[in-house]
C-alpha atoms as a PDB file:
ATOM      1  CA  MET A   1      81.082  97.733  91.688  1.00  0.00           C
ATOM      2  CA  MET A   2      83.100 100.837  92.104  1.00  0.00           C
ATOM      3  CA  ARG A   3      80.369 101.911  95.576  1.00  0.00           C
ATOM      4  CA  PHE A   4      81.596  98.478  96.767  1.00  0.00           C
ATOM      5  CA  VAL A   5      85.345  99.341  95.927  1.00  0.00           C
ATOM      6  CA  LEU A   6      84.341 102.747  97.730  1.00  0.00           C
ATOM      7  CA  VAL A   7      83.353 100.952 101.264  1.00  0.00           C
ATOM      8  CA  ILE A   8      86.290  98.572 101.634  1.00  0.00           C
ATOM      9  CA  LEU A   9      88.700 101.275 100.867  1.00  0.00           C
ATOM     10  CA  SER A  10      86.677 103.251 104.050  1.00  0.00           C
ATOM     11  CA  LEU A  11      86.905 100.413 106.384  1.00  0.00           C
ATOM     12  CA  SER A  12      90.854  99.965 105.432  1.00  0.00           C
ATOM     13  CA  ILE A  13      91.297 103.520 106.976  1.00  0.00           C
ATOM     14  CA  LEU A  14      89.534 102.151 109.918  1.00  0.00           C
ATOM     15  CA  VAL A  15      91.526  98.964 110.126  1.00  0.00           C
ATOM     16  CA  ILE A  16      94.868 101.483 109.154  1.00  0.00           C
ATOM     17  CA  SER A  17      93.831 103.402 112.725  1.00  0.00           C
ATOM     18  CA  HIS A  18      94.599 100.693 114.555  1.00  0.00           C
ATOM     19  CA  ALA A  19      97.492 100.045 112.618  1.00  0.00           C
ATOM     20  CA  GLN A  20      96.935  96.103 111.283  1.00  0.00           C
ATOM     21  CA  LYS A  21      99.275  94.551 113.862  1.00  0.00           C
ATOM     22  CA  PRO A  22      99.465  91.535 115.882  1.00  0.00           C
ATOM     23  CA  ALA A  23      98.803  91.446 119.486  1.00  0.00           C
ATOM     24  CA  LYS A  24     102.077  92.013 120.555  1.00  0.00           C
ATOM     25  CA  VAL A  25     102.387  95.855 119.018  1.00  0.00           C
ATOM     26  CA  THR A  26     100.777  98.453 120.528  1.00  0.00           C
ATOM     27  CA  PRO A  27     100.187 102.076 118.469  1.00  0.00           C
ATOM     28  CA  ALA A  28     101.540 104.864 120.589  1.00  0.00           C
ATOM     29  CA  PRO A  29      99.463 106.587 123.362  1.00  0.00           C
ATOM     30  CA  ALA A  30      97.536 109.472 123.054  1.00  0.00           C
ATOM     31  CA  PRO A  31      99.363 111.264 126.352  1.00  0.00           C
ATOM     32  CA  VAL A  32      97.514 114.473 126.527  1.00  0.00           C
ATOM     33  CA  PRO A  33      96.035 116.197 129.752  1.00  0.00           C
ATOM     34  CA  GLN A  34      92.735 116.221 130.923  1.00  0.00           C
ATOM     35  CA  THR A  35      90.819 118.289 128.325  1.00  0.00           C
ATOM     36  CA  ASN A  36      88.066 120.264 130.942  1.00  0.00           C
ATOM     37  CA  ARG A  37      91.546 120.989 133.214  1.00  0.00           C
ATOM     38  CA  SER A  38      92.515 122.428 129.951  1.00  0.00           C
ATOM     39  CA  ILE A  39      90.315 124.481 127.916  1.00  0.00           C
ATOM     40  CA  ALA A  40      88.236 127.406 129.082  1.00  0.00           C
ATOM     41  CA  ALA A  41      84.108 125.972 129.568  1.00  0.00           C
ATOM     42  CA  LYS A  42      82.912 128.517 126.861  1.00  0.00           C
ATOM     43  CA  ASP A  43      85.592 127.535 124.774  1.00  0.00           C
ATOM     44  CA  LEU A  44      85.284 123.979 124.843  1.00  0.00           C
ATOM     45  CA  GLN A  45      81.669 124.526 124.176  1.00  0.00           C
ATOM     46  CA  LYS A  46      82.568 125.812 121.293  1.00  0.00           C
ATOM     47  CA  ILE A  47      84.679 122.696 120.107  1.00  0.00           C
ATOM     48  CA  LYS A  48      82.200 120.340 120.807  1.00  0.00           C
ATOM     49  CA  ARG A  49      79.680 122.256 118.607  1.00  0.00           C
ATOM     50  CA  ILE A  50      82.209 122.703 115.373  1.00  0.00           C
ATOM     51  CA  GLU A  51      83.211 118.269 116.310  1.00  0.00           C
ATOM     52  CA  ASP A  52      80.170 117.683 115.530  1.00  0.00           C
ATOM     53  CA  THR A  53      79.802 119.219 111.970  1.00  0.00           C
ATOM     54  CA  LEU A  54      83.628 117.960 111.430  1.00  0.00           C
ATOM     55  CA  ALA A  55      82.159 114.336 112.063  1.00  0.00           C
ATOM     56  CA  ARG A  56      79.415 114.604 109.776  1.00  0.00           C
ATOM     57  CA  LEU A  57      82.058 116.127 107.265  1.00  0.00           C
ATOM     58  CA  CYS A  58      84.183 113.367 108.000  1.00  0.00           C
ATOM     59  CA  GLU A  59      81.430 110.783 107.325  1.00  0.00           C
ATOM     60  CA  THR A  60      80.551 112.100 103.844  1.00  0.00           C
ATOM     61  CA  MET A  61      84.404 112.638 102.892  1.00  0.00           C
ATOM     62  CA  THR A  62      85.057 108.683 103.652  1.00  0.00           C
ATOM     63  CA  TYR A  63      81.315 106.997 102.908  1.00  0.00           C
ATOM     64  CA  ASP A  64      79.473 108.976  99.785  1.00  0.00           C
ATOM     65  CA  SER A  65      79.979 107.701  96.407  1.00  0.00           C
ATOM     66  CA  VAL A  66      79.542 110.818  94.731  1.00  0.00           C
ATOM     67  CA  LEU A  67      83.071 112.175  94.382  1.00  0.00           C
ATOM     68  CA  ALA A  68      82.161 115.706  94.319  1.00  0.00           C
ATOM     69  CA  ASN A  69      80.626 115.254  97.956  1.00  0.00           C
ATOM     70  CA  ARG A  70      83.224 113.740  98.891  1.00  0.00           C
ATOM     71  CA  GLN A  71      85.638 116.240  97.212  1.00  0.00           C
ATOM     72  CA  GLN A  72      83.807 119.348  99.278  1.00  0.00           C
ATOM     73  CA  ALA A  73      83.481 117.911 102.233  1.00  0.00           C
ATOM     74  CA  CYS A  74      87.339 117.646 102.501  1.00  0.00           C
ATOM     75  CA  TYR A  75      88.164 120.731 101.312  1.00  0.00           C
ATOM     76  CA  GLN A  76      85.749 121.975 104.199  1.00  0.00           C
ATOM     77  CA  LEU A  77      86.832 119.948 106.790  1.00  0.00           C
ATOM     78  CA  ILE A  78      90.207 121.823 106.463  1.00  0.00           C
ATOM     79  CA  PRO A  79      89.110 125.256 107.502  1.00  0.00           C
ATOM     80  CA  THR A  80      86.093 123.850 110.178  1.00  0.00           C
ATOM     81  CA  LEU A  81      89.084 122.275 111.301  1.00  0.00           C
ATOM     82  CA  VAL A  82      91.193 124.864 112.076  1.00  0.00           C
ATOM     83  CA  ARG A  83      88.780 126.932 113.109  1.00  0.00           C
ATOM     84  CA  ALA A  84      88.344 124.540 116.095  1.00  0.00           C
ATOM     85  CA  LEU A  85      92.166 124.621 116.758  1.00  0.00           C
ATOM     86  CA  ASN A  86      92.019 128.676 116.512  1.00  0.00           C
ATOM     87  CA  THR A  87      90.406 128.000 120.271  1.00  0.00           C
ATOM     88  CA  ASP A  88      93.271 128.305 123.386  1.00  0.00           C
ATOM     89  CA  ASN A  89      94.372 125.030 124.519  1.00  0.00           C
ATOM     90  CA  SER A  90      92.730 123.221 121.657  1.00  0.00           C
ATOM     91  CA  PHE A  91      95.971 120.611 121.431  1.00  0.00           C
ATOM     92  CA  TYR A  92      94.110 119.187 124.848  1.00  0.00           C
ATOM     93  CA  TYR A  93      90.969 118.171 122.664  1.00  0.00           C
ATOM     94  CA  PRO A  94      91.464 115.084 121.497  1.00  0.00           C
ATOM     95  CA  PHE A  95      88.043 115.145 118.720  1.00  0.00           C
ATOM     96  CA  ASP A  96      87.897 111.450 119.221  1.00  0.00           C
ATOM     97  CA  SER A  97      84.359 111.320 117.379  1.00  0.00           C
ATOM     98  CA  LEU A  98      86.581 111.706 114.059  1.00  0.00           C
ATOM     99  CA  ILE A  99      87.334 107.901 113.707  1.00  0.00           C
ATOM    100  CA  THR A 100      88.172 108.135 109.913  1.00  0.00           C
ATOM    101  CA  VAL A 101      91.211 110.752 110.756  1.00  0.00           C
ATOM    102  CA  SER A 102      94.420 109.653 112.089  1.00  0.00           C
ATOM    103  CA  ARG A 103      95.997 111.171 115.429  1.00  0.00           C
ATOM    104  CA  ILE A 104      99.137 110.157 117.231  1.00  0.00           C
ATOM    105  CA  TYR A 105     101.287 111.938 119.905  1.00  0.00           C
ATOM    106  CA  PRO A 106     104.553 111.694 120.581  1.00  0.00           C
ATOM    107  CA  SER A 107     105.631 110.103 124.335  1.00  0.00           C
ATOM    108  CA  ASP A 108     106.598 113.915 124.902  1.00  0.00           C
ATOM    109  CA  SER A 109     103.688 115.170 123.751  1.00  0.00           C
ATOM    110  CA  SER A 110     105.290 117.942 122.212  1.00  0.00           C
ATOM    111  CA  PHE A 111     102.810 117.710 119.238  1.00  0.00           C
ATOM    112  CA  ARG A 112     100.317 115.794 117.525  1.00  0.00           C
ATOM    113  CA  ILE A 113      99.815 114.993 113.968  1.00  0.00           C
ATOM    114  CA  PHE A 114      96.470 114.840 112.045  1.00  0.00           C
ATOM    115  CA  THR A 115      96.450 112.912 108.519  1.00  0.00           C
ATOM    116  CA  TRP A 116      93.506 111.220 106.436  1.00  0.00           C
ATOM    117  CA  GLN A 117      92.807 110.078 103.613  1.00  0.00           C
ATOM    118  CA  LEU A 118      90.400 110.818 100.114  1.00  0.00           C
ATOM    119  CA  VAL A 119      89.640 108.162  97.508  1.00  0.00           C
ATOM    120  CA  LEU A 120      89.690 109.560  94.138  1.00  0.00           C
ATOM    121  CA  PRO A 121      88.296 107.756  90.699  1.00  0.00           C
ATOM    122  CA  GLY A 122      91.386 105.218  88.922  1.00  0.00           C
ATOM    123  CA  GLY A 123      92.323 103.841  91.862  1.00  0.00           C
ATOM    124  CA  ARG A 124      94.213 107.412  93.186  1.00  0.00           C
ATOM    125  CA  PHE A 125      94.299 108.675  96.819  1.00  0.00           C
ATOM    126  CA  ARG A 126      95.211 111.840  98.058  1.00  0.00           C
ATOM    127  CA  TYR A 127      96.774 112.755 101.709  1.00  0.00           C
ATOM    128  CA  TYR A 128      95.999 115.553 103.730  1.00  0.00           C
ATOM    129  CA  GLY A 129      97.342 116.293 107.369  1.00  0.00           C
ATOM    130  CA  PHE A 130      99.011 119.064 109.777  1.00  0.00           C
ATOM    131  CA  ILE A 131     101.322 119.398 112.651  1.00  0.00           C
ATOM    132  CA  GLN A 132      99.811 121.005 115.559  1.00  0.00           C
ATOM    133  CA  MET A 133     102.279 121.949 118.484  1.00  0.00           C
ATOM    134  CA  ARG A 134     101.809 121.748 121.625  1.00  0.00           C
ATOM    135  CA  SER A 135     100.930 125.553 122.590  1.00  0.00           C
ATOM    136  CA  THR A 136      98.555 127.929 124.130  1.00  0.00           C
ATOM    137  CA  LYS A 137      97.764 129.517 121.077  1.00  0.00           C
ATOM    138  CA  LEU A 138      97.519 127.643 117.792  1.00  0.00           C
ATOM    139  CA  LYS A 139     100.794 126.728 115.996  1.00  0.00           C
ATOM    140  CA  MET A 140     100.411 124.323 112.961  1.00  0.00           C
ATOM    141  CA  PHE A 141     102.294 122.931 109.868  1.00  0.00           C
ATOM    142  CA  PRO A 142      99.869 121.906 106.818  1.00  0.00           C
ATOM    143  CA  LEU A 143     100.990 118.913 105.162  1.00  0.00           C
ATOM    144  CA  HIS A 144     100.555 118.923 101.347  1.00  0.00           C
ATOM    145  CA  ASP A 145     101.020 115.600  99.578  1.00  0.00           C
ATOM    146  CA  ARG A 146     103.092 116.516  96.786  1.00  0.00           C
ATOM    147  CA  SER A 147     103.472 111.926  96.579  1.00  0.00           C
ATOM    148  CA  ASP A 148     102.180 112.475  92.742  1.00  0.00           C
ATOM    149  CA  THR A 149     104.828 114.497  91.869  1.00  0.00           C
ATOM    150  CA  MET A 150     107.996 111.722  93.545  1.00  0.00           C
ATOM    151  CA  VAL A 151     108.747 108.131  92.356  1.00  0.00           C
ATOM    152  CA  TYR A 152     108.456 106.493  96.031  1.00  0.00           C
ATOM    153  CA  HIS A 153     111.232 107.269  97.183  1.00  0.00           C
ATOM    154  CA  PRO A 154     113.762 106.368 100.247  1.00  0.00           C
ATOM    155  CA  GLN A 155     116.129 108.835  99.967  1.00  0.00           C
ATOM    156  CA  TRP A 156     114.680 112.070 100.098  1.00  0.00           C
ATOM    157  CA  ILE A 157     114.995 115.218 102.813  1.00  0.00           C
ATOM    158  CA  LEU A 158     111.101 116.094 102.814  1.00  0.00           C
ATOM    159  CA  THR A 159     109.162 119.083 104.456  1.00  0.00           C
ATOM    160  CA  ASN A 160     105.600 119.723 105.522  1.00  0.00           C
ATOM    161  CA  GLU A 161     105.533 121.671 102.040  1.00  0.00           C
ATOM    162  CA  ASN A 162     106.526 119.001 100.170  1.00  0.00           C
ATOM    163  CA  TRP A 163     105.307 115.840 102.094  1.00  0.00           C
ATOM    164  CA  TYR A 164     105.405 112.210 100.940  1.00  0.00           C
ATOM    165  CA  GLY A 165     101.747 111.355 101.896  1.00  0.00           C
ATOM    166  CA  CYS A 166     100.381 108.672 103.550  1.00  0.00           C
ATOM    167  CA  LEU A 167      97.877 107.894 107.079  1.00  0.00           C
ATOM    168  CA  TYR A 168     100.537 107.469 110.071  1.00  0.00           C
ATOM    169  CA  TYR A 169      99.112 105.487 112.907  1.00  0.00           C
ATOM    170  CA  ASN A 170     102.349 105.456 115.106  1.00  0.00           C
ATOM    171  CA  ILE A 171     104.959 107.363 116.486  1.00  0.00           C
ATOM    172  CA  ILE A 172     107.993 106.775 118.540  1.00  0.00           C
ATOM    173  CA  THR A 173     111.086 108.436 120.214  1.00  0.00           C
ATOM    174  CA  GLN A 174     114.711 108.006 120.311  1.00  0.00           C
ATOM    175  CA  TYR A 175     117.507 110.911 121.500  1.00  0.00           C
ATOM    176  CA  ILE A 176     120.345 111.449 119.895  1.00  0.00           C
ATOM    177  CA  ASN A 177     122.938 113.890 121.479  1.00  0.00           C
ATOM    178  CA  ARG A 178     119.518 114.842 123.957  1.00  0.00           C
ATOM    179  CA  GLN A 179     117.725 115.648 120.598  1.00  0.00           C
ATOM    180  CA  PRO A 180     114.900 114.203 120.214  1.00  0.00           C
ATOM    181  CA  VAL A 181     114.197 111.534 116.971  1.00  0.00           C
ATOM    182  CA  TYR A 182     110.910 110.626 115.882  1.00  0.00           C
ATOM    183  CA  THR A 183     110.011 107.765 114.212  1.00  0.00           C
ATOM    184  CA  LEU A 184     106.581 107.443 112.128  1.00  0.00           C
ATOM    185  CA  PHE A 185     104.753 104.669 111.146  1.00  0.00           C
ATOM    186  CA  GLY A 186     102.790 105.341 107.916  1.00  0.00           C
ATOM    187  CA  TYR A 187     100.192 103.451 105.606  1.00  0.00           C
ATOM    188  CA  GLU A 188      99.677 104.885 101.873  1.00  0.00           C
ATOM    189  CA  ALA A 189      97.106 103.419  99.167  1.00  0.00           C
ATOM    190  CA  ALA A 190      99.448 103.587  96.371  1.00  0.00           C
ATOM    191  CA  ASP A 191      96.394 102.594  94.009  1.00  0.00           C
ATOM    192  CA  LEU A 192      93.629 100.075  92.990  1.00  0.00           C
ATOM    193  CA  VAL A 193      96.239  97.029  93.978  1.00  0.00           C
ATOM    194  CA  THR A 194      99.377  98.221  95.291  1.00  0.00           C
ATOM    195  CA  ARG A 195      99.201  99.475  99.284  1.00  0.00           C
ATOM    196  CA  ARG A 196     103.268 100.654 101.113  1.00  0.00           C
ATOM    197  CA  LYS A 197     103.903 100.160 104.444  1.00  0.00           C
ATOM    198  CA  LEU A 198     106.633 102.980 105.743  1.00  0.00           C
ATOM    199  CA  MET A 199     108.806 103.908 108.435  1.00  0.00           C
ATOM    200  CA  GLU A 200     110.669 107.903 108.413  1.00  0.00           C
ATOM    201  CA  ILE A 201     112.347 109.939 110.764  1.00  0.00           C
ATOM    202  CA  LEU A 202     111.072 113.239 111.737  1.00  0.00           C
ATOM    203  CA  THR A 203     113.237 115.862 113.329  1.00  0.00           C
ATOM    204  CA  PHE A 204     111.994 119.593 114.006  1.00  0.00           C
ATOM    205  CA  ASN A 205     115.176 121.711 112.134  1.00  0.00           C
ATOM    206  CA  GLU A 206     116.819 125.082 114.225  1.00  0.00           C
ATOM    207  CA  GLN A 207     113.865 127.009 113.408  1.00  0.00           C
ATOM    208  CA  GLY A 208     111.467 124.735 114.889  1.00  0.00           C
ATOM    209  CA  LYS A 209     110.093 123.311 111.462  1.00  0.00           C
ATOM    210  CA  PRO A 210     109.426 119.738 110.364  1.00  0.00           C
ATOM    211  CA  VAL A 211     111.904 117.567 108.667  1.00  0.00           C
ATOM    212  CA  PHE A 212     110.844 114.269 106.977  1.00  0.00           C
ATOM    213  CA  GLY A 213     113.927 111.782 106.182  1.00  0.00           C
ATOM    214  CA  ALA A 214     117.119 111.513 107.674  1.00  0.00           C
ATOM    215  CA  PRO A 215     119.926 109.224 107.095  1.00  0.00           C
ATOM    216  CA  LEU A 216     119.066 106.775 110.514  1.00  0.00           C
ATOM    217  CA  ILE A 217     117.974 103.593 109.013  1.00  0.00           C
ATOM    218  CA  TYR A 218     121.003 101.125 108.285  1.00  0.00           C
ATOM    219  CA  VAL A 219     120.990  97.993 106.290  1.00  0.00           C
ATOM    220  CA  HIS A 220     123.363  95.432 106.150  1.00  0.00           C
ATOM    221  CA  VAL A 221     123.141  92.661 103.951  1.00  0.00           C
ATOM    222  CA  GLN A 222     126.053  89.862 104.888  1.00  0.00           C
ATOM    223  CA  ALA A 223     127.415  88.055 102.003  1.00  0.00           C
ATOM    224  CA  ASP A 224     126.683  84.488 101.323  1.00  0.00           C
ATOM    225  CA  SER A 225     127.087  82.018  98.550  1.00  0.00           C
ATOM    226  CA  PHE A 226     123.747  83.455  97.119  1.00  0.00           C
ATOM    227  CA  ARG A 227     123.747  87.085  97.137  1.00  0.00           C
ATOM    228  CA  ASN A 228     126.935  89.543  97.708  1.00  0.00           C
ATOM    229  CA  GLU A 229     127.269  91.678 100.511  1.00  0.00           C
ATOM    230  CA  ARG A 230     125.265  94.960 100.736  1.00  0.00           C
ATOM    231  CA  LYS A 231     124.792  98.123 102.966  1.00  0.00           C
ATOM    232  CA  ASP A 232     122.736 101.321 102.275  1.00  0.00           C
ATOM    233  CA  THR A 233     121.327 104.217 104.271  1.00  0.00           C
ATOM    234  CA  PHE A 234     118.454 105.391 104.253  1.00  0.00           C
ATOM    235  CA  ASN A 235     116.116 108.337 105.062  1.00  0.00           C
ATOM    236  CA  ARG A 236     112.737 106.087 104.742  1.00  0.00           C
ATOM    237  CA  TYR A 237     111.557 102.860 104.345  1.00  0.00           C
ATOM    238  CA  PHE A 238     109.057 100.667 102.966  1.00  0.00           C
ATOM    239  CA  ILE A 239     107.883  97.611 102.018  1.00  0.00           C
ATOM    240  CA  GLU A 240     105.353  97.206  98.747  1.00  0.00           C
ATOM    241  CA  TYR A 241     102.522  94.489  98.462  1.00  0.00           C
ATOM    242  CA  LYS A 242      99.189  93.217  97.402  1.00  0.00           C
ATOM    243  CA  TYR A 243      95.967  95.432  98.052  1.00  0.00           C
ATOM    244  CA  ASN A 244      94.547  92.788 100.344  1.00  0.00           C
ATOM    245  CA  ALA A 245      97.166  91.578 102.299  1.00  0.00           C
ATOM    246  CA  PRO A 246      97.375  91.750 105.799  1.00  0.00           C
ATOM    247  CA  THR A 247     100.892  92.925 106.921  1.00  0.00           C
ATOM    248  CA  VAL A 248     102.770  94.137 109.953  1.00  0.00           C
ATOM    249  CA  PHE A 249     105.331  97.150 110.237  1.00  0.00           C
ATOM    250  CA  ASN A 250     105.227  98.650 113.344  1.00  0.00           C
ATOM    251  CA  TYR A 251     107.485  98.868 116.608  1.00  0.00           C
ATOM    252  CA  ASP A 252     107.212  96.351 119.607  1.00  0.00           C
ATOM    253  CA  PRO A 253     107.646  97.448 122.615  1.00  0.00           C
ATOM    254  CA  GLU A 254     108.497  94.193 124.353  1.00  0.00           C
ATOM    255  CA  LEU A 255     111.218  93.044 122.047  1.00  0.00           C
ATOM    256  CA  GLN A 256     111.968  96.912 121.530  1.00  0.00           C
ATOM    257  CA  MET A 257     112.502  96.949 117.822  1.00  0.00           C
ATOM    258  CA  VAL A 258     110.575  97.654 114.497  1.00  0.00           C
ATOM    259  CA  VAL A 259     108.552  94.621 113.423  1.00  0.00           C
ATOM    260  CA  PHE A 260     107.617  93.782 109.688  1.00  0.00           C
ATOM    261  CA  ASP A 261     106.430  91.326 107.568  1.00  0.00           C
ATOM    262  CA  HIS A 262     108.918  90.072 104.788  1.00  0.00           C
ATOM    263  CA  VAL A 263     107.058  90.731 101.719  1.00  0.00           C
ATOM    264  CA  ALA A 264     107.877  88.461  98.389  1.00  0.00           C
ATOM    265  CA  PRO A 265     106.348  86.870  95.112  1.00  0.00           C
ATOM    266  CA  PRO A 266     103.859  84.222  95.319  1.00  0.00           C
ATOM    267  CA  ASN A 267     105.841  82.735  92.306  1.00  0.00           C
ATOM    268  CA  GLU A 268     109.282  83.355  90.488  1.00  0.00           C
ATOM    269  CA  LYS A 269     107.575  84.384  87.343  1.00  0.00           C
ATOM    270  CA  ALA A 270     105.949  87.679  89.449  1.00  0.00           C
ATOM    271  CA  ARG A 271     109.379  88.852  90.691  1.00  0.00           C
ATOM    272  CA  GLY A 272     109.424  92.429  90.550  1.00  0.00           C
ATOM    273  CA  ALA A 273     105.930  92.873  90.158  1.00  0.00           C
ATOM    274  CA  THR A 274     105.948  94.281  93.972  1.00  0.00           C
ATOM    275  CA  PHE A 275     101.779  94.991  93.607  1.00  0.00           C
ATOM    276  CA  SER A 276     101.494  91.120  93.735  1.00  0.00           C
ATOM    277  CA  TYR A 277     103.523  90.122  96.996  1.00  0.00           C
ATOM    278  CA  VAL A 278     102.109  89.011 100.152  1.00  0.00           C
ATOM    279  CA  PRO A 279     103.803  88.246 103.635  1.00  0.00           C
ATOM    280  CA  ASP A 280     106.022  84.809 103.576  1.00  0.00           C
ATOM    281  CA  GLY A 281     105.517  83.618 107.256  1.00  0.00           C
ATOM    282  CA  THR A 282     108.796  85.260 108.102  1.00  0.00           C
ATOM    283  CA  TYR A 283     109.641  88.698 109.988  1.00  0.00           C
ATOM    284  CA  GLU A 284     112.436  91.311 109.426  1.00  0.00           C
ATOM    285  CA  GLY A 285     113.232  93.904 111.960  1.00  0.00           C
ATOM    286  CA  PHE A 286     115.260  97.228 113.112  1.00  0.00           C
ATOM    287  CA  LEU A 287     117.157  97.788 116.135  1.00  0.00           C
ATOM    288  CA  TRP A 288     117.997 101.008 117.318  1.00  0.00           C
ATOM    289  CA  LYS A 289     121.798 100.469 118.371  1.00  0.00           C
ATOM    290  CA  SER A 290     124.459 103.080 117.820  1.00  0.00           C
ATOM    291  CA  ASN A 291     122.036 106.420 116.792  1.00  0.00           C
ATOM    292  CA  ARG A 292     120.498 104.260 114.465  1.00  0.00           C
ATOM    293  CA  TRP A 293     118.354 102.088 113.533  1.00  0.00           C
ATOM    294  CA  ASN A 294     120.078  98.483 112.399  1.00  0.00           C
ATOM    295  CA  TRP A 295     118.078  95.656 110.551  1.00  0.00           C
ATOM    296  CA  VAL A 296     117.878  92.152 111.397  1.00  0.00           C
ATOM    297  CA  GLU A 297     117.312  89.764 109.290  1.00  0.00           C
ATOM    298  CA  ARG A 298     115.224  86.993 110.892  1.00  0.00           C
ATOM    299  CA  VAL A 299     112.902  88.411 114.019  1.00  0.00           C
ATOM    300  CA  PHE A 300     111.988  85.098 115.236  1.00  0.00           C
ATOM    301  CA  THR A 301     114.216  82.496 115.320  1.00  0.00           C
ATOM    302  CA  PHE A 302     112.993  78.758 116.477  1.00  0.00           C
ATOM    303  CA  ALA A 303     114.990  75.760 116.985  1.00  0.00           C
ATOM    304  CA  ILE A 304     112.867  73.094 117.097  1.00  0.00           C
ATOM    305  CA  ASN A 305     113.006  70.019 119.852  1.00  0.00           C
ATOM    306  CA  GLN A 306     114.181  72.432 122.589  1.00  0.00           C
ATOM    307  CA  ASP A 307     112.707  73.379 125.788  1.00  0.00           C
ATOM    308  CA  ASN A 308     111.032  76.235 126.728  1.00  0.00           C
ATOM    309  CA  ASN A 309     111.132  77.751 122.822  1.00  0.00           C
ATOM    310  CA  PRO A 310     107.697  77.309 121.418  1.00  0.00           C
ATOM    311  CA  PRO A 311     107.530  77.420 117.618  1.00  0.00           C
ATOM    312  CA  ILE A 312     105.461  80.150 117.476  1.00  0.00           C
ATOM    313  CA  PRO A 313     105.537  83.850 118.743  1.00  0.00           C
ATOM    314  CA  VAL A 314     103.258  83.741 121.225  1.00  0.00           C
ATOM    315  CA  PRO A 315     102.320  80.505 122.836  1.00  0.00           C
ATOM    316  CA  LEU A 316      98.411  79.924 122.263  1.00  0.00           C
ATOM    317  CA  PHE A 317      98.018  78.731 125.601  1.00  0.00           C
ATOM    318  CA  ASP A 318     100.313  79.400 128.625  1.00  0.00           C
ATOM    319  CA  LYS A 319     103.904  79.032 128.331  1.00  0.00           C
ATOM    320  CA  PRO A 320     104.738  75.306 127.595  1.00  0.00           C
ATOM    321  CA  THR A 321     107.533  73.914 129.600  1.00  0.00           C
ATOM    322  CA  ARG A 322     109.135  71.998 126.489  1.00  0.00           C
ATOM    323  CA  GLN A 323     108.352  71.164 123.439  1.00  0.00           C
ATOM    324  CA  PRO A 324     105.479  68.453 122.600  1.00  0.00           C
ATOM    325  CA  GLU A 325     107.068  64.674 122.490  1.00  0.00           C
ATOM    326  CA  LEU A 326     105.713  63.112 118.885  1.00  0.00           C
ATOM    327  CA  PRO A 327     105.631  59.157 118.564  1.00  0.00           C
ATOM    328  CA  VAL A 328     109.090  57.528 117.464  1.00  0.00           C
ATOM    329  CA  GLU A 329     106.950  55.742 115.021  1.00  0.00           C
ATOM    330  CA  ILE A 330     103.374  55.762 113.578  1.00  0.00           C
ATOM    331  CA  ASP A 331     101.862  52.183 112.907  1.00  0.00           C
ATOM    332  CA  LYS A 332     101.303  52.126 109.326  1.00  0.00           C
ATOM    333  CA  PRO A 333      98.101  50.780 107.959  1.00  0.00           C
ATOM    334  CA  LYS A 334      97.593  46.690 106.765  1.00  0.00           C
END
């Protein structure tokens, strides 16, 4: 049974690397220059040999059923990868064979982030990673997962030394006063039955060090007959849901906004038990406006019986010019 669980959890890593998204949402590209034009031939061969070792370590770390073997492979992965990165211009090497290690780049290709996951007993998980800056000589910031010492928290400002561990699967860039502001999208296996997806802000301070979290995520719930008005500003934003529920939380370049599933309890008795939450078929979002992410309560709104307005986000076949007409009366069986 444990082996089966490990296989399922391992496969989830592969799924997360594709961001578990609908067809309209695409992950951030990796705008990296051509490898053979940036790295010396002898150095390129050296990195390729090390990459073969890294690929074997990743396979053991992800799929081996013995905890000691997974841990040992994970601990060996770190210095082995650093040894490869110590090669001049290693930033331009893609490490494509490391399929269970997430690698994302911002649009300006000024850095990249590596993250990966280690499965531990009792439904626990540990995350590892680092940020590599674009430079000839290695400049990197290791990411130390401290999430087990903090409650899942939307308001903390964190650094690479106390990082909220997760697998990052996308990154997009905005600018405030000509300074880049990066929005990260990540996945966390919180425990055996709970999953989370999050978006958080990444910036670099005056010393060039990474800072995770910034008060740029604004939620304004309008008052109505069922609820009071609420205004909150977050440094990071989470959705929490059942372990096997397929969810979306990503940037949609066509809509030019963040789109995510609204998750809800399966029944009223389960309200508050977020490990049971599943998508209810509606989508919320965030729109970048006035130098912040502004919450959108309902992303897709469709009016039935209006031309050019199909009641689905993407038509399955072509683009209909009008809604199909239903019969006015249906004959009752005699």
